Each structure stands twice: as structure tokens, then as C-alpha cells.
Amino acid sequence: MDKDALFALREKINALDVELLELLQKRAYISKQVGKAKQGGSIFYPVREKEIIAHLQKLNNTLQATEETGEEKQKLPSESIVHIWTEIFSCSRLLQKETSMAFLGPFGTFSQFAGEELMGKSIHLVPCSDFNTIFAKVHAGEVQCGFVPLENSLQGTVGQCLDLFEEYPVHIIAEHYHRVCQCLLSKNTDLEQIEVVYSHPQALMQSHVFLKQHCPNAKLVEMSSTAEAAKRALAEENAATVGHERLCELVKGDACLQVLARDIAGSKENVTRFALIAKEQNSAMVKKPKTSFTFTVVDKAGALSQVLQTIQKQDVNLSKLESRPACNRLEGSAWQYRFFADAQANLCEKPELMQALKEFCYDIRILGVYEALL
């Protein structure tokens, strides 16, 4: 080891860290001024944030050392740029306005990690025991936003969340897709010695093939959450859990959990679509709009067909259409259904279409207009 060379390199890094801090402080000052200029408007602009990250990733792939200075540069991993600037944006939002977000708790759930993936770690997280509490807190103004799952690529729609839009007049302001990567965690490093695996029923179901093959003698025990399961696995000998790898950071004791295997779910296409909900409608800029809306049709033959034809005539594509038993049914209508749909357009900018739909609908309500990610 060349100690002198190592010392010199570390001194360079120390100097660069000071420069980075000064630049971040300048950015923070401007960001705070931007917050004042917005005068209480939305502080979350996912379109702008994604554009900035995409631009920086492009620069990262093209910037080279200049011949004039001979300056040496190292290209960053593309994902690192996403992580770094997500936290910069999160800090900037905190400087503009402290924001709280309700999610399905406890701490350590996939909902928490997905929410931080979207909003960064500077947001104030409020764990809730059920979806109804999340919607209620958003509607009452107790939190600025809520983070709820809408559908999963394997299990389908989260019906309870769709139904709650009928009860609470909240709005979708953004969507987020989170790939669920199940990991086997234990303080024991030998797979063959694991005698029991704790986790949420869905996590156990998704990874049962791997567990049967690699931990054939282990008893599978269902828990209320992956976070609680991780605590149990840490407290016992020869125990393990299935969940997010970041549970190793959150659940701590005299020993620590380690990742024994990653991505152990049977299907690698396990993706959950989340919605960020708020009391007020989205005021952020939208370039590729998606509109989520809900409606009930009048009780006559062909009403749903007329709705779909009316939408088609306006050259609007529906990317999702699903029916749910209506919570607030008309008297004497035990089999009335409410439809939930996603349109690849901004329906707020199509008043003629909305007016035409009223002929075939008892009611129609826009849940939100936001940036489409897919």
C-alpha cells in the first residue's frame, strides 16, 4: 500500500466534498426561492424531476475528459444518478414545504420502500394500519399525501383501495411502478440449518418454489407483515424471513440479518402500481397525461357499450376498465356496479366528451390527471 498516494487521493476527495456541499447549498437556496414563487402551489413535479434525471444520465454517458486540461472523469452507474437526485429533489421539497405521506405500515413494508423510491427519504412518513386510515388522513388534511397500491401484475387489482375512492373525494396526483424483489434474510448463513421461515402470506406464496427446493425442512409461518416477520427471524435461532433486502437495515439487534438469496419469487415480473393521492387536484405540469375516472351507467340495454363508443369517437384509448360492486347503490338496485377506468388523455380538457358521457351515466368523476409512466 502506497500510504502517501492514498493520503493525497483522499485529500482530493475531501476538497471535492467541500465543493459539492457548497454547490448543494446554492441549489438549496434557489430551490427555497422557487417554493416562495409558487405561492402555495404543488411542490411535486414528477415530469420535471424525470426530465432532469434523464438529461443528467445522457450527459453522464457522453461527457469525456477534456483534452485541454487532461481532467480525468469516471462515468457513474445510471441507477446511481437516479438515487442521488431523488434524494436531492426530496431535500428541495422539504426546504419548500414539509410534506407528510401516509402509507400502509408498519415501517419496513414494501409500501414504505416504494414510497421512498418515489419521494425520497426527506419526506415525513406516517405508517397506517389499513387503507381506510390512509384515505381518511388525506381527506382530513392530516397528511399532505397518501401512498396506496392500485394493482399488482400477479394478484390483480387492490379492490379495497378502488372502493375507498367512492367514500373519500381525494385525487390521484402521480403513479409509481415498483418491482417487488423478494429476498431470503436470516442471521444464520447456512440455508440447510433454517428450520422456520416467517413472512407475509403473499411473500411466502410467491417464493414457495425456492423455499421448497432450498429449505425443504423449514416450516412456513404466516405473519401480518414482512417487518414483523423480520423481527421474529432476528429473535430466534435457525429462523429466516422473506421480504425486502432493506429490512436488514431497519430491523436490528445484537445480531443482524443478512441476505442469503435475492429475487427468489417464482415470477420475475412481480410489479405493483401505486398511486400518490392528495386532497387537492394535481396542479403540476403533465406532458403525457393519464386520467383515472369512475362512473356508473344508467339502467338500460347497451349503456356501457354507448359509453365506450362515445369515448372511442373522441379518439381516446382506455388502458384499463374494471367493474366493482357499487358501495353507494341506488335504492332497490342490489346489483349495481361502478366502473373504474384509465384513459390515455387529459379528460379535463375534453368537456364535450364529459358532457356526452352524462347521457349514459348516473355519475362520472375524474379521480386524477397525472403523468403516465407506461
Protein backbone atom coordinates (compact mmCIF):
# COMPACT_ATOMS: atom_id res chain seq x y z
CA MET A 1 0.00 0.00 0.00
CA ASP A 2 1.34 3.43 -1.00
CA LYS A 3 0.25 5.46 2.05
CA ASP A 4 1.42 8.79 0.60
CA ALA A 5 -0.53 8.27 -2.63
CA LEU A 6 -3.60 7.16 -0.68
CA PHE A 7 -3.40 10.23 1.55
CA ALA A 8 -3.12 12.53 -1.47
CA LEU A 9 -6.14 10.93 -3.15
CA ARG A 10 -8.22 11.25 -0.01
CA GLU A 11 -7.28 14.91 0.28
CA LYS A 12 -8.58 15.42 -3.27
CA ILE A 13 -11.85 13.74 -2.33
CA ASN A 14 -12.14 15.90 0.80
CA ALA A 15 -11.73 19.04 -1.30
CA LEU A 16 -14.32 17.83 -3.82
CA ASP A 17 -16.76 17.05 -1.00
CA VAL A 18 -16.49 20.65 0.17
CA GLU A 19 -17.17 21.87 -3.38
CA LEU A 20 -20.17 19.53 -3.64
CA LEU A 21 -21.57 20.81 -0.36
CA GLU A 22 -21.22 24.43 -1.46
CA LEU A 23 -22.98 23.68 -4.76
CA LEU A 24 -25.78 21.83 -2.95
CA GLN A 25 -26.19 24.78 -0.60
CA LYS A 26 -26.52 27.14 -3.58
CA ARG A 27 -29.05 24.81 -5.15
CA ALA A 28 -30.97 24.63 -1.87
CA TYR A 29 -31.18 28.43 -1.67
CA ILE A 30 -32.56 28.69 -5.20
CA SER A 31 -34.96 25.83 -4.51
CA LYS A 32 -36.33 27.67 -1.48
CA GLN A 33 -36.85 30.78 -3.63
CA VAL A 34 -38.73 28.62 -6.15
CA GLY A 35 -41.01 27.50 -3.32
CA LYS A 36 -41.83 31.10 -2.47
CA ALA A 37 -42.51 31.87 -6.13
CA LYS A 38 -45.03 29.00 -6.31
CA GLN A 39 -47.10 30.73 -3.60
CA GLY A 40 -48.51 27.54 -2.14
CA GLY A 41 -48.80 25.58 -5.39
CA SER A 42 -47.75 21.98 -5.87
CA ILE A 43 -44.18 21.20 -4.81
CA PHE A 44 -44.09 17.79 -6.51
CA TYR A 45 -43.39 17.97 -10.24
CA PRO A 46 -42.59 14.39 -11.33
CA VAL A 47 -42.32 15.38 -15.01
CA ARG A 48 -39.61 17.94 -14.34
CA GLU A 49 -37.76 15.60 -11.99
CA LYS A 50 -37.73 12.81 -14.57
CA GLU A 51 -36.58 15.21 -17.28
CA ILE A 52 -33.68 16.39 -15.12
CA ILE A 53 -32.60 12.82 -14.33
CA ALA A 54 -32.87 11.76 -17.99
CA HIS A 55 -30.76 14.77 -19.04
CA LEU A 56 -28.10 14.01 -16.44
CA GLN A 57 -27.99 10.34 -17.43
CA LYS A 58 -27.45 11.38 -21.03
CA LEU A 59 -24.63 13.75 -20.03
CA ASN A 60 -23.14 11.03 -17.86
CA ASN A 61 -22.91 8.75 -20.89
CA THR A 62 -21.36 11.39 -23.17
CA LEU A 63 -19.08 13.52 -21.00
CA GLN A 64 -15.41 12.76 -21.58
CA ALA A 65 -12.19 14.13 -20.14
CA THR A 66 -11.23 17.33 -21.93
CA GLU A 67 -8.04 17.22 -23.95
CA GLU A 68 -7.10 20.73 -22.84
CA THR A 69 -6.98 20.02 -19.10
CA GLY A 70 -6.41 16.29 -19.19
CA GLU A 71 -9.01 16.09 -16.44
CA GLU A 72 -9.94 12.52 -15.53
CA LYS A 73 -13.58 11.59 -15.07
CA GLN A 74 -15.36 8.37 -14.21
CA LYS A 75 -18.82 7.67 -15.57
CA LEU A 76 -21.36 6.96 -12.81
CA PRO A 77 -23.73 3.99 -12.84
CA SER A 78 -27.00 5.20 -14.35
CA GLU A 79 -29.03 3.96 -11.37
CA SER A 80 -26.80 5.94 -9.01
CA ILE A 81 -27.85 9.16 -10.72
CA VAL A 82 -31.50 8.22 -10.08
CA HIS A 83 -30.83 7.54 -6.38
CA ILE A 84 -28.69 10.65 -5.80
CA TRP A 85 -31.02 13.12 -7.49
CA THR A 86 -34.14 11.56 -5.98
CA GLU A 87 -32.72 12.49 -2.59
CA ILE A 88 -31.70 15.96 -3.82
CA PHE A 89 -35.26 16.55 -5.03
CA SER A 90 -36.62 15.20 -1.74
CA CYS A 91 -34.45 17.61 0.25
CA SER A 92 -35.50 20.50 -2.00
CA ARG A 93 -39.18 19.74 -1.38
CA LEU A 94 -38.53 19.68 2.36
CA LEU A 95 -36.97 23.15 2.15
CA GLN A 96 -40.01 24.44 0.26
CA LYS A 97 -42.61 22.79 2.49
CA GLU A 98 -42.54 19.93 5.00
CA THR A 99 -44.54 17.10 3.46
CA SER A 100 -46.01 14.05 5.20
CA MET A 101 -47.07 10.85 3.46
CA ALA A 102 -49.30 8.12 4.88
CA PHE A 103 -48.59 4.53 3.83
CA LEU A 104 -49.59 1.01 4.82
CA GLY A 105 -47.35 0.23 7.77
CA PRO A 106 -45.60 -0.72 9.86
CA PHE A 107 -42.16 0.55 8.91
CA GLY A 108 -40.37 -1.99 6.76
CA THR A 109 -43.18 -2.79 4.31
CA PHE A 110 -42.80 -2.73 0.54
CA SER A 111 -45.16 0.28 0.56
CA GLN A 112 -42.62 2.27 2.59
CA PHE A 113 -39.70 1.37 0.33
CA ALA A 114 -41.71 2.06 -2.83
CA GLY A 115 -42.85 5.42 -1.41
CA GLU A 116 -39.26 6.42 -0.64
CA GLU A 117 -38.28 5.31 -4.14
CA LEU A 118 -40.72 7.90 -5.50
CA MET A 119 -40.48 10.71 -2.94
CA GLY A 120 -37.05 10.25 -1.34
CA LYS A 121 -36.21 9.88 2.34
CA SER A 122 -36.70 13.52 3.35
CA ILE A 123 -40.47 13.08 3.40
CA HIS A 124 -42.18 12.53 6.77
CA LEU A 125 -43.61 9.01 6.73
CA VAL A 126 -46.82 8.20 8.61
CA PRO A 127 -47.48 4.44 8.92
CA CYS A 128 -51.16 3.39 8.97
CA SER A 129 -52.71 0.08 9.93
CA ASP A 130 -55.16 -0.06 7.00
CA PHE A 131 -56.05 1.63 3.69
CA ASN A 132 -59.12 3.37 5.12
CA THR A 133 -56.94 5.26 7.59
CA ILE A 134 -54.68 6.46 4.77
CA PHE A 135 -57.63 7.84 2.78
CA ALA A 136 -59.19 9.37 5.89
CA LYS A 137 -55.98 11.16 6.89
CA VAL A 138 -55.53 12.58 3.38
CA HIS A 139 -59.15 13.75 3.20
CA ALA A 140 -58.96 15.34 6.66
CA GLY A 141 -55.75 17.18 5.77
CA GLU A 142 -53.78 15.40 8.49
CA VAL A 143 -51.15 14.45 5.88
CA GLN A 144 -50.31 16.08 2.56
CA CYS A 145 -50.45 12.84 0.60
CA GLY A 146 -51.05 9.12 0.80
CA PHE A 147 -49.39 6.21 -0.97
CA VAL A 148 -51.60 3.25 -1.86
CA PRO A 149 -51.34 0.20 -4.15
CA LEU A 150 -53.81 0.07 -7.04
CA GLU A 151 -52.89 -3.21 -8.70
CA ASN A 152 -50.28 -5.94 -8.86
CA SER A 153 -49.14 -7.70 -12.03
CA LEU A 154 -49.66 -11.11 -10.38
CA GLN A 155 -52.53 -10.63 -7.93
CA GLY A 156 -54.54 -8.04 -9.89
CA THR A 157 -56.46 -5.04 -8.58
CA VAL A 158 -56.43 -3.97 -4.93
CA GLY A 159 -60.21 -3.67 -4.76
CA GLN A 160 -60.35 -2.10 -1.32
CA CYS A 161 -58.38 0.93 -2.48
CA LEU A 162 -60.61 1.44 -5.53
CA ASP A 163 -63.71 1.25 -3.32
CA LEU A 164 -62.33 3.91 -0.97
CA PHE A 165 -62.28 6.47 -3.80
CA GLU A 166 -66.06 6.24 -3.69
CA GLU A 167 -66.08 7.14 0.00
CA TYR A 168 -63.38 9.83 0.05
CA PRO A 169 -63.16 12.66 -2.55
CA VAL A 170 -59.37 12.55 -2.86
CA HIS A 171 -57.35 12.76 -6.06
CA ILE A 172 -54.57 10.79 -7.73
CA ILE A 173 -51.63 13.10 -8.44
CA ALA A 174 -48.99 10.56 -9.54
CA GLU A 175 -48.44 6.88 -10.20
CA HIS A 176 -45.40 4.75 -9.42
CA TYR A 177 -44.39 1.25 -10.51
CA HIS A 178 -42.33 -0.76 -8.04
CA ARG A 179 -40.80 -4.13 -8.85
CA VAL A 180 -41.17 -6.45 -5.86
CA CYS A 181 -37.90 -8.30 -5.26
CA GLN A 182 -38.32 -10.93 -2.55
CA CYS A 183 -35.17 -11.87 -0.62
CA LEU A 184 -34.41 -14.56 1.93
CA LEU A 185 -32.99 -12.96 5.08
CA SER A 186 -31.51 -14.60 8.17
CA LYS A 187 -28.80 -14.14 10.78
CA ASN A 188 -27.87 -17.76 10.01
CA THR A 189 -25.67 -18.09 6.93
CA ASP A 190 -26.41 -21.79 6.30
CA LEU A 191 -29.58 -22.41 4.30
CA GLU A 192 -29.71 -26.05 5.35
CA GLN A 193 -29.96 -25.13 9.05
CA ILE A 194 -33.06 -22.94 8.65
CA GLU A 195 -35.98 -24.55 10.47
CA VAL A 196 -38.68 -21.89 10.12
CA VAL A 197 -39.43 -19.07 7.65
CA TYR A 198 -41.66 -16.18 8.75
CA SER A 199 -43.29 -13.74 6.33
CA HIS A 200 -46.48 -12.23 4.97
CA PRO A 201 -48.72 -14.82 3.21
CA GLN A 202 -48.17 -13.24 -0.22
CA ALA A 203 -44.38 -13.29 0.18
CA LEU A 204 -44.44 -16.96 1.21
CA MET A 205 -46.73 -17.83 -1.69
CA GLN A 206 -44.56 -16.01 -4.24
CA SER A 207 -41.36 -17.71 -3.06
CA HIS A 208 -42.66 -21.16 -2.12
CA VAL A 209 -40.87 -22.93 -5.01
CA PHE A 210 -37.47 -21.59 -3.93
CA LEU A 211 -38.15 -22.36 -0.26
CA LYS A 212 -39.24 -25.91 -1.02
CA GLN A 213 -36.08 -26.52 -3.03
CA HIS A 214 -33.52 -24.84 -0.76
CA CYS A 215 -35.17 -25.06 2.68
CA PRO A 216 -37.22 -28.28 2.33
CA ASN A 217 -37.49 -28.93 6.06
CA ALA A 218 -38.38 -25.38 7.08
CA LYS A 219 -41.82 -24.64 8.49
CA LEU A 220 -43.54 -21.68 6.77
CA VAL A 221 -45.31 -19.38 9.24
CA GLU A 222 -47.57 -16.52 8.11
CA MET A 223 -47.20 -13.09 9.77
CA SER A 224 -49.17 -9.84 9.49
CA SER A 225 -46.29 -8.03 7.77
CA THR A 226 -42.79 -8.65 6.48
CA ALA A 227 -41.46 -6.17 9.04
CA GLU A 228 -42.90 -8.16 11.96
CA ALA A 229 -41.63 -11.36 10.37
CA ALA A 230 -38.10 -9.93 10.17
CA LYS A 231 -38.14 -9.08 13.88
CA ARG A 232 -39.22 -12.64 14.67
CA ALA A 233 -36.49 -14.12 12.47
CA LEU A 234 -33.88 -11.97 14.17
CA ALA A 235 -35.01 -13.02 17.64
CA GLU A 236 -34.88 -16.77 17.01
CA GLU A 237 -32.18 -19.25 16.10
CA ASN A 238 -32.29 -21.07 12.75
CA ALA A 239 -35.05 -18.76 11.53
CA ALA A 240 -35.41 -16.71 8.35
CA THR A 241 -37.80 -14.33 6.67
CA VAL A 242 -38.80 -13.37 3.14
CA GLY A 243 -39.00 -9.67 2.34
CA HIS A 244 -37.25 -6.55 1.07
CA GLU A 245 -33.46 -6.51 1.44
CA ARG A 246 -33.62 -3.17 3.27
CA LEU A 247 -35.18 -4.95 6.23
CA CYS A 248 -31.57 -5.74 7.14
CA GLU A 249 -31.07 -2.02 7.82
CA LEU A 250 -34.32 -1.40 9.70
CA VAL A 251 -34.50 -4.49 11.92
CA LYS A 252 -31.54 -4.57 14.26
CA GLY A 253 -30.49 -6.31 17.45
CA ASP A 254 -27.37 -7.88 18.94
CA ALA A 255 -27.00 -9.75 15.66
CA CYS A 256 -28.10 -8.64 12.19
CA LEU A 257 -29.99 -10.11 9.27
CA GLN A 258 -28.12 -10.93 6.09
CA VAL A 259 -29.32 -11.50 2.55
CA LEU A 260 -28.92 -15.21 1.80
CA ALA A 261 -30.62 -15.11 -1.60
CA ARG A 262 -32.09 -12.38 -3.80
CA ASP A 263 -35.04 -12.38 -6.18
CA ILE A 264 -36.44 -15.71 -5.01
CA ALA A 265 -40.02 -15.20 -6.20
CA GLY A 266 -41.22 -17.65 -8.83
CA SER A 267 -42.13 -14.86 -11.25
CA LYS A 268 -39.68 -12.09 -12.07
CA GLU A 269 -42.49 -9.87 -13.35
CA ASN A 270 -43.92 -9.01 -9.93
CA VAL A 271 -44.71 -5.30 -10.21
CA THR A 272 -47.06 -3.20 -8.10
CA ARG A 273 -48.62 0.00 -9.40
CA PHE A 274 -49.01 2.59 -6.63
CA ALA A 275 -50.95 5.87 -6.58
CA LEU A 276 -49.94 9.03 -4.76
CA ILE A 277 -53.18 10.61 -3.53
CA ALA A 278 -53.87 14.12 -2.21
CA LYS A 279 -56.81 16.23 -1.09
CA GLU A 280 -56.37 18.74 -3.90
CA GLN A 281 -56.18 18.05 -7.61
CA ASN A 282 -52.86 17.89 -9.41
CA SER A 283 -51.55 21.31 -10.42
CA ALA A 284 -48.22 20.05 -11.73
CA MET A 285 -47.30 20.08 -15.40
CA VAL A 286 -48.32 16.93 -17.29
CA LYS A 287 -46.82 16.06 -20.68
CA LYS A 288 -48.08 12.51 -21.20
CA PRO A 289 -51.44 12.61 -19.40
CA LYS A 290 -53.35 9.70 -17.95
CA THR A 291 -56.81 10.24 -16.46
CA SER A 292 -58.26 7.87 -13.88
CA PHE A 293 -62.02 8.18 -13.60
CA THR A 294 -65.03 6.31 -12.25
CA PHE A 295 -68.65 6.07 -13.38
CA THR A 296 -71.90 4.13 -13.07
CA VAL A 297 -74.08 3.52 -16.12
CA VAL A 298 -77.82 4.07 -16.44
CA ASP A 299 -80.03 1.00 -16.21
CA LYS A 300 -80.79 0.34 -19.86
CA ALA A 301 -79.55 -2.02 -22.55
CA GLY A 302 -76.28 -1.05 -24.22
CA ALA A 303 -75.41 1.74 -21.78
CA LEU A 304 -71.82 0.55 -21.22
CA SER A 305 -71.40 -0.01 -24.96
CA GLN A 306 -72.58 3.56 -25.59
CA VAL A 307 -70.04 4.87 -23.07
CA LEU A 308 -67.20 3.01 -24.79
CA GLN A 309 -68.33 4.11 -28.26
CA THR A 310 -68.55 7.74 -27.12
CA ILE A 311 -65.00 7.56 -25.80
CA GLN A 312 -63.77 5.87 -28.99
CA LYS A 313 -65.31 8.59 -31.17
CA GLN A 314 -63.12 11.12 -29.36
CA ASP A 315 -60.05 9.02 -30.26
CA VAL A 316 -59.33 8.31 -26.58
CA ASN A 317 -57.75 4.98 -25.66
CA LEU A 318 -58.70 3.20 -22.43
CA SER A 319 -55.77 1.32 -20.88
CA LYS A 320 -57.87 -0.07 -18.03
CA LEU A 321 -61.55 -0.81 -17.39
CA GLU A 322 -62.78 -2.69 -14.34
CA SER A 323 -66.06 -3.05 -12.51
CA ARG A 324 -66.61 -3.20 -8.75
CA PRO A 325 -69.87 -3.61 -6.77
CA ALA A 326 -71.05 -0.04 -6.11
CA CYS A 327 -70.74 0.95 -2.45
CA ASN A 328 -73.46 3.61 -2.67
CA ARG A 329 -76.14 1.83 -4.67
CA LEU A 330 -79.42 3.30 -5.81
CA GLU A 331 -82.38 2.10 -3.76
CA GLY A 332 -83.64 -1.28 -4.98
CA SER A 333 -80.52 -1.88 -7.10
CA ALA A 334 -78.63 -4.71 -5.40
CA TRP A 335 -76.52 -5.46 -8.47
CA GLN A 336 -75.32 -2.01 -9.46
CA TYR A 337 -71.66 -1.82 -10.43
CA ARG A 338 -69.18 1.03 -10.51
CA PHE A 339 -66.60 1.15 -13.28
CA PHE A 340 -63.03 2.34 -12.86
CA ALA A 341 -61.07 3.30 -15.95
CA ASP A 342 -57.76 4.82 -17.08
CA ALA A 343 -57.74 6.93 -20.23
CA GLN A 344 -54.62 7.91 -22.12
CA ALA A 345 -55.64 11.55 -22.32
CA ASN A 346 -56.49 14.54 -20.18
CA LEU A 347 -60.28 14.29 -19.90
CA CYS A 348 -60.41 17.67 -18.12
CA GLU A 349 -59.53 19.17 -21.49
CA LYS A 350 -62.42 17.35 -23.22
CA PRO A 351 -65.60 18.96 -21.81
CA GLU A 352 -67.67 17.83 -24.83
CA LEU A 353 -66.78 14.20 -24.15
CA MET A 354 -67.59 14.50 -20.44
CA GLN A 355 -70.95 16.09 -21.27
CA ALA A 356 -71.77 13.37 -23.80
CA LEU A 357 -70.98 10.63 -21.27
CA LYS A 358 -73.54 12.01 -18.82
CA GLU A 359 -76.31 10.79 -21.11
CA PHE A 360 -75.38 7.18 -20.30
CA CYS A 361 -74.02 7.58 -16.74
CA TYR A 362 -75.70 8.20 -13.41
CA ASP A 363 -72.49 9.84 -12.29
CA ILE A 364 -68.95 10.32 -13.54
CA ARG A 365 -65.98 11.57 -11.55
CA ILE A 366 -62.39 12.23 -12.50
CA LEU A 367 -60.07 10.77 -9.86
CA GLY A 368 -56.97 12.45 -11.20
CA VAL A 369 -54.93 13.59 -14.18
CA TYR A 370 -51.24 12.76 -13.90
CA GLU A 371 -48.17 11.76 -15.86
CA ALA A 372 -48.44 8.30 -17.47
CA LEU A 373 -45.34 6.22 -16.84
CA LEU A 374 -46.24 3.32 -19.15
